[in-house]
Protein backbone atom coordinates (compact mmCIF):
# COMPACT_ATOMS: atom_id res chain seq x y z
CA MET A 1 -109.75 101.06 -8.87
CA ARG A 2 -109.06 98.83 -5.85
CA ALA A 3 -106.51 96.80 -7.79
CA PHE A 4 -104.71 99.98 -8.87
CA LEU A 5 -104.54 101.38 -5.33
CA LEU A 6 -103.41 98.08 -3.86
CA SER A 7 -100.70 97.74 -6.50
CA TYR A 8 -99.58 101.21 -5.41
CA VAL A 9 -99.40 99.96 -1.80
CA ASP A 10 -97.65 96.71 -2.78
CA SER A 11 -94.98 98.46 -4.84
CA ALA A 12 -94.24 100.76 -1.92
CA LEU A 13 -94.01 97.92 0.58
CA ALA A 14 -91.87 95.73 -1.71
CA ASP A 15 -88.81 97.96 -1.29
CA PRO A 16 -87.90 98.34 2.41
CA LEU A 17 -85.04 100.72 1.54
CA ARG A 18 -87.26 103.12 -0.36
CA GLY A 19 -87.16 106.58 1.12
CA GLY A 20 -90.74 107.49 0.33
CA CYS A 21 -92.38 109.62 -2.30
CA MET A 22 -90.40 112.64 -3.46
CA VAL A 23 -93.62 114.57 -4.11
CA THR A 24 -94.86 113.95 -0.59
CA HIS A 25 -91.52 114.86 0.93
CA GLY A 26 -91.33 117.94 -1.27
CA VAL A 27 -94.73 119.12 -0.14
CA LEU A 28 -93.79 118.64 3.48
CA GLU A 29 -90.36 120.24 3.24
CA ARG A 30 -90.52 122.97 0.59
CA LEU A 31 -94.01 124.40 0.56
CA PRO A 32 -95.51 126.90 0.85
CA GLY A 33 -92.39 129.09 0.83
CA ASP A 34 -90.74 127.90 -2.39
CA LYS A 35 -92.73 129.08 -5.42
CA LYS A 36 -90.68 127.12 -7.96
CA ALA A 37 -91.11 123.91 -5.98
CA ALA A 38 -94.83 124.68 -5.68
CA GLN A 39 -95.11 124.85 -9.47
CA ARG A 40 -93.28 121.58 -10.00
CA LEU A 41 -95.13 119.74 -7.27
CA GLY A 42 -98.43 121.17 -8.47
CA GLY A 43 -97.68 119.80 -11.92
CA ALA A 44 -96.84 116.36 -10.56
CA LEU A 45 -99.95 116.25 -8.41
CA GLY A 46 -102.00 117.58 -11.32
CA SER A 47 -100.76 114.73 -13.50
CA LEU A 48 -101.74 112.23 -10.83
CA GLU A 49 -105.16 113.89 -10.59
CA GLU A 50 -105.63 113.54 -14.35
CA ALA A 51 -104.68 109.86 -14.20
CA PHE A 52 -107.22 109.26 -11.46
CA ALA A 53 -109.90 111.19 -13.36
CA TYR A 54 -109.31 108.93 -16.36
CA LEU A 55 -109.58 105.79 -14.19
CA LEU A 56 -112.72 107.13 -12.52
CA LEU A 57 -114.38 107.78 -15.87
CA ARG A 58 -113.58 104.21 -16.87
CA ALA A 59 -114.89 102.91 -13.53
CA ARG A 60 -118.10 104.88 -13.94
CA ALA A 61 -118.58 103.52 -17.48
CA ALA A 62 -118.07 99.98 -16.14
CA GLY A 63 -120.67 100.51 -13.40
CA GLU A 64 -118.08 100.45 -10.61
CA LEU A 65 -118.75 104.05 -9.59
CA ALA A 66 -122.07 105.74 -8.84
CA PRO A 67 -123.33 107.63 -11.91
CA GLY A 68 -123.57 111.01 -10.14
CA THR A 69 -120.06 110.93 -8.66
CA ASP A 70 -118.09 114.14 -9.21
CA VAL A 71 -115.04 112.77 -11.01
CA ARG A 72 -112.85 115.85 -10.46
CA SER A 73 -113.35 116.11 -6.69
CA THR A 74 -113.05 112.34 -6.35
CA ALA A 75 -109.75 112.41 -8.26
CA ARG A 76 -108.52 115.11 -5.87
CA PHE A 77 -109.56 112.98 -2.91
CA LEU A 78 -107.60 110.05 -4.35
CA VAL A 79 -104.50 112.22 -4.85
CA THR A 80 -104.74 113.16 -1.18
CA LEU A 81 -105.31 109.52 -0.21
CA THR A 82 -102.24 108.34 -2.11
CA GLN A 83 -100.08 110.97 -0.44
CA GLY A 84 -101.37 109.76 2.94
CA LEU A 85 -100.63 106.16 1.93
CA ARG A 86 -97.07 107.22 1.12
CA VAL A 87 -96.66 108.60 4.62
CA MET A 88 -98.30 105.61 6.33
CA GLU A 89 -96.40 103.00 4.29
CA ARG A 90 -93.38 103.71 6.45
CA THR A 91 -95.11 102.49 9.63
CA ALA A 92 -98.18 100.46 8.66
CA GLY A 93 -98.47 97.01 7.15
CA ARG A 94 -100.36 95.91 4.06
CA ASP A 95 -103.50 94.87 5.96
CA TYR A 96 -103.75 98.32 7.53
CA LEU A 97 -103.26 100.08 4.19
CA ALA A 98 -105.68 97.73 2.41
CA GLN A 99 -108.33 98.59 5.02
CA VAL A 100 -107.76 102.29 4.30
CA VAL A 101 -108.12 101.68 0.55
CA ASP A 102 -111.30 99.63 1.07
CA GLN A 103 -112.83 102.28 3.33
CA ALA A 104 -112.03 105.04 0.86
CA LEU A 105 -113.60 103.10 -2.01
CA GLN A 106 -116.65 102.23 0.06
CA GLY A 107 -117.11 105.92 0.77
CA LEU A 108 -116.92 106.61 -2.96
CA SER A 109 -119.59 104.01 -3.76
CA CYS A 110 -117.05 101.94 -5.69
CA THR A 111 -117.38 98.21 -5.76
CA ALA A 112 -114.54 96.46 -3.98
């Protein structure tokens, strides 16, 4: 899980001209007033949630996640975390973002 999140951070930091995440910007700019945008963004965030749920199930099976962890709520937390990382990538360096990732995983009882 840590490697996945840090690769997410690294890909964002590798392109200094990148404008940021369209989903994050869409949420900030269009919602809650635009129902069509809400549907599209909900779908995109839902897909990300499903991807995290899959990774969490694999992490739990590998002993990297506490057995009683609620996979669905943890996936939702990680969706929220990644959106925050997208905002912070514009002003924070890798060390800062890696500390955020490590703290989040420690709080989830994941092994780093």
